[in-house]
């Protein structure tokens, strides 16, 4: 299996939903990790962003290009 890498930090749930739909449509393997923590009622999301997307290294460039089209100011890791 390919090495999975953290591709980008997502700012909000809307961006995560759009990215997830796009990844599923293209059958790109991925993991979305939310920074929400019930104990702290989402405190870390306000500091770090909504969460991040992980994918095999081979898909990094394709995902980065989509995120740039979606939101030119999106943070990359």
Protein backbone atom coordinates (compact mmCIF):
# COMPACT_ATOMS: atom_id res chain seq x y z
CA UNK A 1 0.00 0.00 0.00
CA UNK A 2 1.15 3.52 -0.73
CA UNK A 3 2.34 5.81 2.04
CA UNK A 4 -0.49 8.02 3.23
CA UNK A 5 0.28 11.68 3.81
CA UNK A 6 -1.52 14.68 5.24
CA UNK A 7 -2.45 16.58 2.10
CA UNK A 8 -4.26 19.68 3.37
CA UNK A 9 -5.91 21.33 6.36
CA UNK A 10 -9.56 22.14 5.70
CA UNK A 11 -11.10 25.31 7.11
CA UNK A 12 -14.71 24.17 7.43
CA UNK A 13 -17.29 21.41 7.06
CA UNK A 14 -18.47 22.71 3.67
CA UNK A 15 -15.00 22.36 2.16
CA UNK A 16 -14.73 18.88 3.69
CA UNK A 17 -18.08 17.83 2.19
CA UNK A 18 -17.21 19.15 -1.27
CA UNK A 19 -13.81 17.48 -1.19
CA UNK A 20 -15.27 14.19 0.02
CA UNK A 21 -17.83 14.11 -2.81
CA UNK A 22 -15.11 14.89 -5.36
CA UNK A 23 -12.80 12.17 -3.98
CA UNK A 24 -15.59 9.57 -3.98
CA UNK A 25 -16.58 10.48 -7.54
CA UNK A 26 -13.01 9.84 -8.69
CA UNK A 27 -12.57 6.75 -6.47
CA UNK A 28 -9.52 8.28 -4.79
CA UNK A 29 -8.73 6.66 -1.43
CA UNK A 30 -8.80 9.18 1.41
CA UNK A 31 -9.32 9.80 5.12
CA UNK A 32 -10.94 12.92 6.54
CA UNK A 33 -9.91 13.69 10.11
CA UNK A 34 -11.93 16.22 12.07
CA UNK A 35 -10.28 18.15 14.89
CA UNK A 36 -13.59 18.30 16.78
CA UNK A 37 -13.32 17.09 20.36
CA UNK A 38 -16.52 16.60 22.33
CA UNK A 39 -14.79 17.26 25.65
CA UNK A 40 -13.65 20.70 24.50
CA UNK A 41 -16.73 21.48 22.37
CA UNK A 42 -14.80 22.11 19.17
CA UNK A 43 -12.21 24.42 20.73
CA UNK A 44 -9.40 22.99 18.59
CA UNK A 45 -11.35 23.54 15.37
CA UNK A 46 -11.38 27.27 15.99
CA UNK A 47 -7.60 27.20 16.45
CA UNK A 48 -6.44 24.59 13.91
CA UNK A 49 -9.18 24.46 11.28
CA UNK A 50 -11.97 21.94 10.73
CA UNK A 51 -9.63 19.01 10.13
CA UNK A 52 -7.45 17.56 7.42
CA UNK A 53 -7.46 15.12 4.52
CA UNK A 54 -5.02 12.23 4.17
CA UNK A 55 -4.42 10.27 0.97
CA UNK A 56 -1.74 8.19 -0.72
CA UNK A 57 1.20 10.32 -1.87
CA UNK A 58 0.39 9.49 -5.51
CA UNK A 59 -2.82 11.54 -5.29
CA UNK A 60 -1.39 14.59 -3.49
CA UNK A 61 -0.94 16.75 -6.57
CA UNK A 62 -4.41 16.00 -7.94
CA UNK A 63 -6.05 16.83 -4.59
CA UNK A 64 -3.96 20.00 -4.19
CA UNK A 65 -5.06 21.19 -7.64
CA UNK A 66 -8.72 20.59 -6.81
CA UNK A 67 -8.41 22.45 -3.51
CA UNK A 68 -6.73 25.39 -5.24
CA UNK A 69 -9.65 25.54 -7.69
CA UNK A 70 -12.13 25.23 -4.81
CA UNK A 71 -10.48 27.84 -2.63
CA UNK A 72 -7.27 29.60 -3.71
CA UNK A 73 -6.45 30.43 -0.05
CA UNK A 74 -6.72 26.83 1.23
CA UNK A 75 -3.89 25.79 3.56
CA UNK A 76 -1.63 22.96 2.42
CA UNK A 77 0.55 20.72 4.55
